[in-house]
Amino acid sequence: NQPFLRLIAAFFLNGLANGLPASLFLFFVAERLGAAGQEPLFLLIYF
């Protein structure tokens, strides 16, 4: 099933790419932006 193989490869790479900012989000907002406590606001905007 070639469409499946291409799709699951894209799906995996996309999940990996999305997982990186998700893992670093709390640290980025608090430590890089200096906006600790504002994380829920940014998440609400995003969703």
All heavy atoms as atom14 arrays in JSON, in Angstrom:
{
  "sequence": "NQPFLRLIAAFFLNGLANGLPASLFLFFVAERLGAAGQEPLFLLIYF",
  "atom14_mask": [
    [1, 1, 1, 1, 1, 1, 1, 1, 0, 0, 0, 0, 0, 0],
    [1, 1, 1, 1, 1, 1, 1, 1, 1, 0, 0, 0, 0, 0],
    [1, 1, 1, 1, 1, 1, 1, 0, 0, 0, 0, 0, 0, 0],
    [1, 1, 1, 1, 1, 1, 1, 1, 1, 1, 1, 0, 0, 0],
    [1, 1, 1, 1, 1, 1, 1, 1, 0, 0, 0, 0, 0, 0],
    [1, 1, 1, 1, 1, 1, 1, 1, 1, 1, 1, 0, 0, 0],
    [1, 1, 1, 1, 1, 1, 1, 1, 0, 0, 0, 0, 0, 0],
    [1, 1, 1, 1, 1, 1, 1, 1, 0, 0, 0, 0, 0, 0],
    [1, 1, 1, 1, 1, 0, 0, 0, 0, 0, 0, 0, 0, 0],
    [1, 1, 1, 1, 1, 0, 0, 0, 0, 0, 0, 0, 0, 0],
    [1, 1, 1, 1, 1, 1, 1, 1, 1, 1, 1, 0, 0, 0],
    [1, 1, 1, 1, 1, 1, 1, 1, 1, 1, 1, 0, 0, 0],
    [1, 1, 1, 1, 1, 1, 1, 1, 0, 0, 0, 0, 0, 0],
    [1, 1, 1, 1, 1, 1, 1, 1, 0, 0, 0, 0, 0, 0],
    [1, 1, 1, 1, 0, 0, 0, 0, 0, 0, 0, 0, 0, 0],
    [1, 1, 1, 1, 1, 1, 1, 1, 0, 0, 0, 0, 0, 0],
    [1, 1, 1, 1, 1, 0, 0, 0, 0, 0, 0, 0, 0, 0],
    [1, 1, 1, 1, 1, 1, 1, 1, 0, 0, 0, 0, 0, 0],
    [1, 1, 1, 1, 0, 0, 0, 0, 0, 0, 0, 0, 0, 0],
    [1, 1, 1, 1, 1, 1, 1, 1, 0, 0, 0, 0, 0, 0],
    [1, 1, 1, 1, 1, 1, 1, 0, 0, 0, 0, 0, 0, 0],
    [1, 1, 1, 1, 1, 0, 0, 0, 0, 0, 0, 0, 0, 0],
    [1, 1, 1, 1, 1, 1, 0, 0, 0, 0, 0, 0, 0, 0],
    [1, 1, 1, 1, 1, 1, 1, 1, 0, 0, 0, 0, 0, 0],
    [1, 1, 1, 1, 1, 1, 1, 1, 1, 1, 1, 0, 0, 0],
    [1, 1, 1, 1, 1, 1, 1, 1, 0, 0, 0, 0, 0, 0],
    [1, 1, 1, 1, 1, 1, 1, 1, 1, 1, 1, 0, 0, 0],
    [1, 1, 1, 1, 1, 1, 1, 1, 1, 1, 1, 0, 0, 0],
    [1, 1, 1, 1, 1, 1, 1, 0, 0, 0, 0, 0, 0, 0],
    [1, 1, 1, 1, 1, 0, 0, 0, 0, 0, 0, 0, 0, 0],
    [1, 1, 1, 1, 1, 1, 1, 1, 1, 0, 0, 0, 0, 0],
    [1, 1, 1, 1, 1, 1, 1, 1, 1, 1, 1, 0, 0, 0],
    [1, 1, 1, 1, 1, 1, 1, 1, 0, 0, 0, 0, 0, 0],
    [1, 1, 1, 1, 0, 0, 0, 0, 0, 0, 0, 0, 0, 0],
    [1, 1, 1, 1, 1, 0, 0, 0, 0, 0, 0, 0, 0, 0],
    [1, 1, 1, 1, 1, 0, 0, 0, 0, 0, 0, 0, 0, 0],
    [1, 1, 1, 1, 0, 0, 0, 0, 0, 0, 0, 0, 0, 0],
    [1, 1, 1, 1, 1, 1, 1, 1, 1, 0, 0, 0, 0, 0],
    [1, 1, 1, 1, 1, 1, 1, 1, 1, 0, 0, 0, 0, 0],
    [1, 1, 1, 1, 1, 1, 1, 0, 0, 0, 0, 0, 0, 0],
    [1, 1, 1, 1, 1, 1, 1, 1, 0, 0, 0, 0, 0, 0],
    [1, 1, 1, 1, 1, 1, 1, 1, 1, 1, 1, 0, 0, 0],
    [1, 1, 1, 1, 1, 1, 1, 1, 0, 0, 0, 0, 0, 0],
    [1, 1, 1, 1, 1, 1, 1, 1, 0, 0, 0, 0, 0, 0],
    [1, 1, 1, 1, 1, 1, 1, 1, 0, 0, 0, 0, 0, 0],
    [1, 1, 1, 1, 1, 1, 1, 1, 1, 1, 1, 1, 0, 0],
    [1, 1, 1, 1, 1, 1, 1, 1, 1, 1, 1, 0, 0, 0]
  ],
  "atom14_positions": [
    [[0.85, -1.19, 0.0], [0.0, 0.0, 0.0], [0.89, 1.24, 0.0], [1.2, 1.81, 1.05], [-0.92, -0.03, 1.22], [-2.01, 1.03, 1.15], [-1.9, 2.01, 0.42], [-3.06, 0.85, 1.94], [0.0, 0.0, 0.0], [0.0, 0.0, 0.0], [0.0, 0.0, 0.0], [0.0, 0.0, 0.0], [0.0, 0.0, 0.0], [0.0, 0.0, 0.0]],
    [[1.3, 1.68, -1.17], [2.22, 2.82, -1.28], [1.65, 4.12, -0.71], [2.37, 4.87, -0.06], [2.65, 3.0, -2.73], [3.55, 1.9, -3.27], [4.84, 1.79, -2.48], [5.51, 2.79, -2.22], [5.18, 0.57, -2.07], [0.0, 0.0, 0.0], [0.0, 0.0, 0.0], [0.0, 0.0, 0.0], [0.0, 0.0, 0.0], [0.0, 0.0, 0.0]],
    [[0.37, 4.44, -0.95], [-0.17, 5.65, -0.31], [-0.05, 5.62, 1.21], [0.24, 6.63, 1.84], [-1.63, 5.66, -0.76], [-1.62, 4.93, -2.06], [-0.6, 3.85, -1.88], [0.0, 0.0, 0.0], [0.0, 0.0, 0.0], [0.0, 0.0, 0.0], [0.0, 0.0, 0.0], [0.0, 0.0, 0.0], [0.0, 0.0, 0.0], [0.0, 0.0, 0.0]],
    [[-0.26, 4.43, 1.81], [-0.11, 4.3, 3.26], [1.32, 4.58, 3.7], [1.56, 5.31, 4.67], [-0.53, 2.91, 3.72], [0.01, 2.54, 5.08], [-0.51, 3.11, 6.23], [1.05, 1.63, 5.22], [-0.01, 2.79, 7.48], [1.56, 1.31, 6.46], [1.03, 1.88, 7.6], [0.0, 0.0, 0.0], [0.0, 0.0, 0.0], [0.0, 0.0, 0.0]],
    [[2.29, 4.02, 2.99], [3.69, 4.2, 3.37], [4.1, 5.67, 3.26], [4.81, 6.19, 4.13], [4.59, 3.33, 2.49], [4.37, 1.81, 2.61], [5.29, 1.07, 1.65], [4.6, 1.35, 4.05], [0.0, 0.0, 0.0], [0.0, 0.0, 0.0], [0.0, 0.0, 0.0], [0.0, 0.0, 0.0], [0.0, 0.0, 0.0], [0.0, 0.0, 0.0]],
    [[3.67, 6.34, 2.21], [4.0, 7.76, 2.07], [3.31, 8.59, 3.14], [3.9, 9.51, 3.72], [3.6, 8.26, 0.68], [4.45, 7.69, -0.45], [4.25, 8.47, -1.74], [2.91, 8.32, -2.28], [2.56, 7.37, -3.13], [3.46, 6.47, -3.53], [1.32, 7.3, -3.59], [0.0, 0.0, 0.0], [0.0, 0.0, 0.0], [0.0, 0.0, 0.0]],
    [[2.06, 8.25, 3.42], [1.3, 9.02, 4.4], [1.86, 8.84, 5.8], [2.0, 9.83, 6.55], [-0.18, 8.62, 4.36], [-1.08, 9.36, 5.35], [-1.07, 10.85, 5.09], [-2.5, 8.81, 5.29], [0.0, 0.0, 0.0], [0.0, 0.0, 0.0], [0.0, 0.0, 0.0], [0.0, 0.0, 0.0], [0.0, 0.0, 0.0], [0.0, 0.0, 0.0]],
    [[2.18, 7.62, 6.19], [2.65, 7.42, 7.56], [4.03, 8.05, 7.76], [4.36, 8.53, 8.85], [2.65, 5.92, 7.95], [2.66, 5.79, 9.48], [3.82, 5.17, 7.32], [2.38, 4.39, 9.98], [0.0, 0.0, 0.0], [0.0, 0.0, 0.0], [0.0, 0.0, 0.0], [0.0, 0.0, 0.0], [0.0, 0.0, 0.0], [0.0, 0.0, 0.0]],
    [[4.84, 8.11, 6.69], [6.13, 8.8, 6.78], [5.91, 10.3, 7.01], [6.55, 10.91, 7.87], [6.94, 8.56, 5.51], [0.0, 0.0, 0.0], [0.0, 0.0, 0.0], [0.0, 0.0, 0.0], [0.0, 0.0, 0.0], [0.0, 0.0, 0.0], [0.0, 0.0, 0.0], [0.0, 0.0, 0.0], [0.0, 0.0, 0.0], [0.0, 0.0, 0.0]],
    [[5.0, 10.89, 6.22], [4.69, 12.31, 6.4], [4.07, 12.57, 7.77], [4.37, 13.57, 8.44], [3.75, 12.78, 5.29], [0.0, 0.0, 0.0], [0.0, 0.0, 0.0], [0.0, 0.0, 0.0], [0.0, 0.0, 0.0], [0.0, 0.0, 0.0], [0.0, 0.0, 0.0], [0.0, 0.0, 0.0], [0.0, 0.0, 0.0], [0.0, 0.0, 0.0]],
    [[3.2, 11.66, 8.18], [2.52, 11.78, 9.48], [3.54, 11.74, 10.62], [3.45, 12.52, 11.58], [1.51, 10.64, 9.61], [0.53, 10.79, 10.74], [-0.43, 11.77, 10.7], [0.57, 9.94, 11.83], [-1.35, 11.91, 11.73], [-0.34, 10.08, 12.87], [-1.3, 11.06, 12.8], [0.0, 0.0, 0.0], [0.0, 0.0, 0.0], [0.0, 0.0, 0.0]],
    [[4.51, 10.83, 10.52], [5.54, 10.72, 11.55], [6.4, 11.98, 11.61], [6.65, 12.53, 12.69], [6.42, 9.5, 11.29], [7.6, 9.39, 12.21], [7.45, 8.89, 13.49], [8.86, 9.8, 11.8], [8.54, 8.81, 14.36], [9.95, 9.72, 12.65], [9.79, 9.21, 13.93], [0.0, 0.0, 0.0], [0.0, 0.0, 0.0], [0.0, 0.0, 0.0]],
    [[6.87, 12.46, 10.45], [7.72, 13.65, 10.42], [6.96, 14.88, 10.91], [7.5, 15.72, 11.63], [8.25, 13.88, 9.01], [9.26, 12.84, 8.51], [9.59, 13.08, 7.05], [10.53, 12.87, 9.36], [0.0, 0.0, 0.0], [0.0, 0.0, 0.0], [0.0, 0.0, 0.0], [0.0, 0.0, 0.0], [0.0, 0.0, 0.0], [0.0, 0.0, 0.0]],
    [[5.68, 14.98, 10.55], [4.86, 16.09, 11.01], [4.66, 16.02, 12.52], [4.71, 17.04, 13.22], [3.52, 16.06, 10.29], [2.64, 17.24, 10.64], [3.08, 18.38, 10.59], [1.39, 16.98, 10.98], [0.0, 0.0, 0.0], [0.0, 0.0, 0.0], [0.0, 0.0, 0.0], [0.0, 0.0, 0.0], [0.0, 0.0, 0.0], [0.0, 0.0, 0.0]],
    [[4.44, 14.8, 13.05], [4.29, 14.64, 14.49], [5.57, 14.99, 15.23], [5.54, 15.6, 16.31], [0.0, 0.0, 0.0], [0.0, 0.0, 0.0], [0.0, 0.0, 0.0], [0.0, 0.0, 0.0], [0.0, 0.0, 0.0], [0.0, 0.0, 0.0], [0.0, 0.0, 0.0], [0.0, 0.0, 0.0], [0.0, 0.0, 0.0], [0.0, 0.0, 0.0]],
    [[6.71, 14.62, 14.65], [8.0, 14.96, 15.25], [8.18, 16.47, 15.29], [8.6, 17.05, 16.3], [9.12, 14.3, 14.45], [10.55, 14.5, 14.94], [10.74, 13.94, 16.34], [11.54, 13.86, 13.97], [0.0, 0.0, 0.0], [0.0, 0.0, 0.0], [0.0, 0.0, 0.0], [0.0, 0.0, 0.0], [0.0, 0.0, 0.0], [0.0, 0.0, 0.0]],
    [[7.84, 17.13, 14.17], [7.98, 18.59, 14.1], [7.04, 19.29, 15.08], [7.42, 20.28, 15.72], [7.69, 19.06, 12.67], [0.0, 0.0, 0.0], [0.0, 0.0, 0.0], [0.0, 0.0, 0.0], [0.0, 0.0, 0.0], [0.0, 0.0, 0.0], [0.0, 0.0, 0.0], [0.0, 0.0, 0.0], [0.0, 0.0, 0.0], [0.0, 0.0, 0.0]],
    [[5.82, 18.79, 15.23], [4.87, 19.39, 16.18], [5.27, 19.1, 17.62], [4.98, 19.9, 18.53], [3.46, 18.86, 15.92], [2.8, 19.52, 14.73], [3.01, 20.69, 14.47], [2.01, 18.77, 13.99], [0.0, 0.0, 0.0], [0.0, 0.0, 0.0], [0.0, 0.0, 0.0], [0.0, 0.0, 0.0], [0.0, 0.0, 0.0], [0.0, 0.0, 0.0]],
    [[5.92, 17.95, 17.85], [6.3, 17.59, 19.2], [7.4, 18.47, 19.77], [7.47, 18.66, 21.0], [0.0, 0.0, 0.0], [0.0, 0.0, 0.0], [0.0, 0.0, 0.0], [0.0, 0.0, 0.0], [0.0, 0.0, 0.0], [0.0, 0.0, 0.0], [0.0, 0.0, 0.0], [0.0, 0.0, 0.0], [0.0, 0.0, 0.0], [0.0, 0.0, 0.0]],
    [[8.25, 19.01, 18.93], [9.35, 19.85, 19.42], [8.85, 21.15, 20.07], [9.19, 21.44, 21.22], [10.33, 20.14, 18.29], [11.14, 18.93, 17.83], [11.9, 19.24, 16.55], [12.12, 18.49, 18.92], [0.0, 0.0, 0.0], [0.0, 0.0, 0.0], [0.0, 0.0, 0.0], [0.0, 0.0, 0.0], [0.0, 0.0, 0.0], [0.0, 0.0, 0.0]],
    [[8.03, 21.96, 19.38], [7.52, 23.16, 20.06], [6.6, 22.84, 21.22], [6.55, 23.58, 22.21], [6.78, 23.92, 18.95], [6.51, 22.91, 17.9], [7.63, 21.92, 17.97], [0.0, 0.0, 0.0], [0.0, 0.0, 0.0], [0.0, 0.0, 0.0], [0.0, 0.0, 0.0], [0.0, 0.0, 0.0], [0.0, 0.0, 0.0], [0.0, 0.0, 0.0]],
    [[5.86, 21.72, 21.14], [4.99, 21.34, 22.25], [5.82, 21.04, 23.5], [5.45, 21.42, 24.62], [4.14, 20.14, 21.87], [0.0, 0.0, 0.0], [0.0, 0.0, 0.0], [0.0, 0.0, 0.0], [0.0, 0.0, 0.0], [0.0, 0.0, 0.0], [0.0, 0.0, 0.0], [0.0, 0.0, 0.0], [0.0, 0.0, 0.0], [0.0, 0.0, 0.0]],
    [[6.96, 20.35, 23.32], [7.81, 20.01, 24.45], [8.49, 21.23, 25.05], [8.73, 21.3, 26.26], [8.89, 19.01, 24.0], [8.31, 17.84, 23.47], [0.0, 0.0, 0.0], [0.0, 0.0, 0.0], [0.0, 0.0, 0.0], [0.0, 0.0, 0.0], [0.0, 0.0, 0.0], [0.0, 0.0, 0.0], [0.0, 0.0, 0.0], [0.0, 0.0, 0.0]],
    [[8.8, 22.22, 24.21], [9.58, 23.37, 24.66], [8.71, 24.59, 24.99], [9.25, 25.6, 25.46], [10.59, 23.77, 23.57], [11.65, 22.71, 23.23], [12.47, 23.15, 22.03], [12.55, 22.47, 24.44], [0.0, 0.0, 0.0], [0.0, 0.0, 0.0], [0.0, 0.0, 0.0], [0.0, 0.0, 0.0], [0.0, 0.0, 0.0], [0.0, 0.0, 0.0]],
    [[7.41, 24.5, 24.76], [6.55, 25.67, 24.88], [6.64, 26.35, 26.25], [6.86, 27.57, 26.34], [5.1, 25.26, 24.6], [4.09, 26.31, 24.95], [3.92, 27.43, 24.17], [3.31, 26.19, 26.1], [2.99, 28.41, 24.5], [2.39, 27.15, 26.46], [2.23, 28.27, 25.65], [0.0, 0.0, 0.0], [0.0, 0.0, 0.0], [0.0, 0.0, 0.0]],
    [[6.48, 25.57, 27.32], [6.48, 26.17, 28.66], [7.82, 26.84, 28.97], [7.87, 27.94, 29.53], [6.18, 25.1, 29.71], [4.77, 24.48, 29.66], [4.65, 23.36, 30.68], [3.7, 25.54, 29.91], [0.0, 0.0, 0.0], [0.0, 0.0, 0.0], [0.0, 0.0, 0.0], [0.0, 0.0, 0.0], [0.0, 0.0, 0.0], [0.0, 0.0, 0.0]],
    [[8.91, 26.18, 28.59], [10.24, 26.74, 28.83], [10.45, 28.0, 27.99], [11.03, 28.98, 28.45], [11.32, 25.71, 28.49], [11.24, 24.46, 29.32], [10.64, 23.33, 28.83], [11.75, 24.44, 30.62], [10.56, 22.18, 29.59], [11.68, 23.3, 31.39], [11.08, 22.17, 30.88], [0.0, 0.0, 0.0], [0.0, 0.0, 0.0], [0.0, 0.0, 0.0]],
    [[10.0, 27.98, 26.75], [10.21, 29.11, 25.84], [9.5, 30.36, 26.35], [10.08, 31.45, 26.4], [9.72, 28.75, 24.44], [10.01, 29.79, 23.41], [11.24, 29.84, 22.77], [9.06, 30.76, 23.08], [11.52, 30.82, 21.81], [9.32, 31.74, 22.14], [10.55, 31.76, 21.5], [0.0, 0.0, 0.0], [0.0, 0.0, 0.0], [0.0, 0.0, 0.0]],
    [[8.24, 30.2, 26.73], [7.46, 31.36, 27.18], [8.04, 31.91, 28.49], [8.2, 33.13, 28.64], [5.98, 30.98, 27.36], [5.2, 32.12, 28.0], [5.37, 30.61, 26.02], [0.0, 0.0, 0.0], [0.0, 0.0, 0.0], [0.0, 0.0, 0.0], [0.0, 0.0, 0.0], [0.0, 0.0, 0.0], [0.0, 0.0, 0.0], [0.0, 0.0, 0.0]],
    [[8.38, 31.01, 29.41], [8.85, 31.46, 30.73], [10.29, 31.98, 30.69], [10.59, 33.05, 31.23], [8.74, 30.32, 31.74], [0.0, 0.0, 0.0], [0.0, 0.0, 0.0], [0.0, 0.0, 0.0], [0.0, 0.0, 0.0], [0.0, 0.0, 0.0], [0.0, 0.0, 0.0], [0.0, 0.0, 0.0], [0.0, 0.0, 0.0], [0.0, 0.0, 0.0]],
    [[11.18, 31.25, 30.02], [12.61, 31.56, 30.1], [13.1, 32.45, 28.96], [13.93, 33.32, 29.17], [13.43, 30.26, 30.11], [13.02, 29.28, 31.2], [13.19, 29.84, 32.6], [14.04, 30.74, 32.78], [12.47, 29.41, 33.51], [0.0, 0.0, 0.0], [0.0, 0.0, 0.0], [0.0, 0.0, 0.0], [0.0, 0.0, 0.0], [0.0, 0.0, 0.0]],
    [[12.6, 32.22, 27.75], [13.05, 33.0, 26.61], [12.31, 34.33, 26.52], [12.92, 35.39, 26.36], [12.86, 32.2, 25.32], [13.18, 32.98, 24.04], [14.66, 33.27, 23.93], [14.98, 33.88, 22.65], [16.19, 34.34, 22.34], [17.18, 34.24, 23.22], [16.4, 34.88, 21.15], [0.0, 0.0, 0.0], [0.0, 0.0, 0.0], [0.0, 0.0, 0.0]],
    [[10.99, 34.27, 26.61], [10.19, 35.49, 26.5], [10.06, 36.23, 27.82], [9.69, 37.41, 27.84], [8.8, 35.17, 25.96], [8.73, 34.55, 24.56], [7.27, 34.31, 24.17], [9.4, 35.44, 23.52], [0.0, 0.0, 0.0], [0.0, 0.0, 0.0], [0.0, 0.0, 0.0], [0.0, 0.0, 0.0], [0.0, 0.0, 0.0], [0.0, 0.0, 0.0]],
    [[10.34, 35.52, 28.93], [10.19, 36.15, 30.24], [8.74, 36.44, 30.58], [8.43, 37.46, 31.2], [0.0, 0.0, 0.0], [0.0, 0.0, 0.0], [0.0, 0.0, 0.0], [0.0, 0.0, 0.0], [0.0, 0.0, 0.0], [0.0, 0.0, 0.0], [0.0, 0.0, 0.0], [0.0, 0.0, 0.0], [0.0, 0.0, 0.0], [0.0, 0.0, 0.0]],
    [[7.85, 35.55, 30.18], [6.41, 35.78, 30.36], [5.77, 34.65, 31.14], [4.7, 34.15, 30.76], [5.73, 35.95, 29.01], [0.0, 0.0, 0.0], [0.0, 0.0, 0.0], [0.0, 0.0, 0.0], [0.0, 0.0, 0.0], [0.0, 0.0, 0.0], [0.0, 0.0, 0.0], [0.0, 0.0, 0.0], [0.0, 0.0, 0.0], [0.0, 0.0, 0.0]],
    [[6.42, 34.21, 32.21], [5.86, 33.14, 33.03], [4.46, 33.53, 33.52], [4.24, 34.66, 33.96], [6.77, 32.86, 34.22], [0.0, 0.0, 0.0], [0.0, 0.0, 0.0], [0.0, 0.0, 0.0], [0.0, 0.0, 0.0], [0.0, 0.0, 0.0], [0.0, 0.0, 0.0], [0.0, 0.0, 0.0], [0.0, 0.0, 0.0], [0.0, 0.0, 0.0]],
    [[3.54, 32.6, 33.44], [2.15, 32.85, 33.81], [1.26, 33.2, 32.64], [0.02, 33.2, 32.78], [0.0, 0.0, 0.0], [0.0, 0.0, 0.0], [0.0, 0.0, 0.0], [0.0, 0.0, 0.0], [0.0, 0.0, 0.0], [0.0, 0.0, 0.0], [0.0, 0.0, 0.0], [0.0, 0.0, 0.0], [0.0, 0.0, 0.0], [0.0, 0.0, 0.0]],
    [[1.85, 33.51, 31.49], [1.08, 33.86, 30.3], [0.83, 32.66, 29.38], [0.22, 32.8, 28.32], [1.79, 34.96, 29.51], [1.99, 36.25, 30.28], [0.67, 36.84, 30.73], [-0.26, 36.97, 29.93], [0.57, 37.2, 32.0], [0.0, 0.0, 0.0], [0.0, 0.0, 0.0], [0.0, 0.0, 0.0], [0.0, 0.0, 0.0], [0.0, 0.0, 0.0]],
    [[1.32, 31.48, 29.79], [1.2, 30.3, 28.93], [-0.25, 29.97, 28.56], [-0.54, 29.7, 27.38], [1.86, 29.09, 29.6], [3.35, 29.22, 29.83], [3.68, 29.84, 31.19], [2.76, 30.39, 31.82], [4.84, 29.74, 31.6], [0.0, 0.0, 0.0], [0.0, 0.0, 0.0], [0.0, 0.0, 0.0], [0.0, 0.0, 0.0], [0.0, 0.0, 0.0]],
    [[-1.2, 29.99, 29.53], [-2.59, 29.69, 29.14], [-3.16, 30.64, 28.09], [-3.92, 30.22, 27.22], [-3.36, 29.8, 30.47], [-2.33, 29.54, 31.52], [-1.07, 30.14, 30.98], [0.0, 0.0, 0.0], [0.0, 0.0, 0.0], [0.0, 0.0, 0.0], [0.0, 0.0, 0.0], [0.0, 0.0, 0.0], [0.0, 0.0, 0.0], [0.0, 0.0, 0.0]],
    [[-2.76, 31.9, 28.15], [-3.26, 32.87, 27.17], [-2.8, 32.51, 25.76], [-3.59, 32.51, 24.81], [-2.77, 34.28, 27.53], [-3.1, 35.38, 26.52], [-4.62, 35.52, 26.36], [-2.47, 36.7, 26.94], [0.0, 0.0, 0.0], [0.0, 0.0, 0.0], [0.0, 0.0, 0.0], [0.0, 0.0, 0.0], [0.0, 0.0, 0.0], [0.0, 0.0, 0.0]],
    [[-1.52, 32.19, 25.62], [-1.0, 31.82, 24.3], [-1.63, 30.52, 23.79], [-1.91, 30.4, 22.6], [0.52, 31.68, 24.35], [1.25, 32.99, 24.49], [2.12, 33.22, 25.54], [1.06, 34.0, 23.56], [2.78, 34.43, 25.68], [1.72, 35.23, 23.68], [2.57, 35.44, 24.74], [0.0, 0.0, 0.0], [0.0, 0.0, 0.0], [0.0, 0.0, 0.0]],
    [[-1.86, 29.57, 24.69], [-2.51, 28.33, 24.29], [-3.94, 28.57, 23.82], [-4.39, 27.99, 22.82], [-2.51, 27.33, 25.44], [-1.2, 26.6, 25.74], [-1.34, 25.75, 26.98], [-0.77, 25.74, 24.55], [0.0, 0.0, 0.0], [0.0, 0.0, 0.0], [0.0, 0.0, 0.0], [0.0, 0.0, 0.0], [0.0, 0.0, 0.0], [0.0, 0.0, 0.0]],
    [[-4.65, 29.45, 24.52], [-6.03, 29.76, 24.12], [-6.06, 30.43, 22.76], [-6.94, 30.13, 21.93], [-6.69, 30.64, 25.18], [-7.03, 29.96, 26.5], [-7.54, 30.97, 27.52], [-8.07, 28.86, 26.29], [0.0, 0.0, 0.0], [0.0, 0.0, 0.0], [0.0, 0.0, 0.0], [0.0, 0.0, 0.0], [0.0, 0.0, 0.0], [0.0, 0.0, 0.0]],
    [[-5.12, 31.35, 22.5], [-5.03, 31.99, 21.19], [-4.8, 30.93, 20.11], [-5.45, 30.93, 19.06], [-3.9, 33.04, 21.16], [-4.25, 34.22, 22.07], [-3.64, 33.53, 19.73], [-3.12, 35.21, 22.25], [0.0, 0.0, 0.0], [0.0, 0.0, 0.0], [0.0, 0.0, 0.0], [0.0, 0.0, 0.0], [0.0, 0.0, 0.0], [0.0, 0.0, 0.0]],
    [[-3.87, 30.04, 20.38], [-3.48, 28.99, 19.44], [-4.67, 28.1, 19.08], [-5.0, 27.9, 17.9], [-2.35, 28.18, 20.08], [-1.81, 27.02, 19.28], [-1.12, 27.22, 18.1], [-1.97, 25.72, 19.74], [-0.59, 26.15, 17.39], [-1.46, 24.64, 19.04], [-0.76, 24.87, 17.87], [-0.25, 23.8, 17.17], [0.0, 0.0, 0.0], [0.0, 0.0, 0.0]],
    [[-5.36, 27.59, 20.1], [-6.47, 26.68, 19.85], [-7.7, 27.4, 19.31], [-8.45, 26.84, 18.5], [-6.81, 25.9, 21.12], [-5.78, 24.88, 21.5], [-5.14, 24.94, 22.72], [-5.44, 23.86, 20.63], [-4.18, 24.0, 23.07], [-4.49, 22.91, 20.96], [-3.86, 22.98, 22.19], [0.0, 0.0, 0.0], [0.0, 0.0, 0.0], [0.0, 0.0, 0.0]]
  ]
}
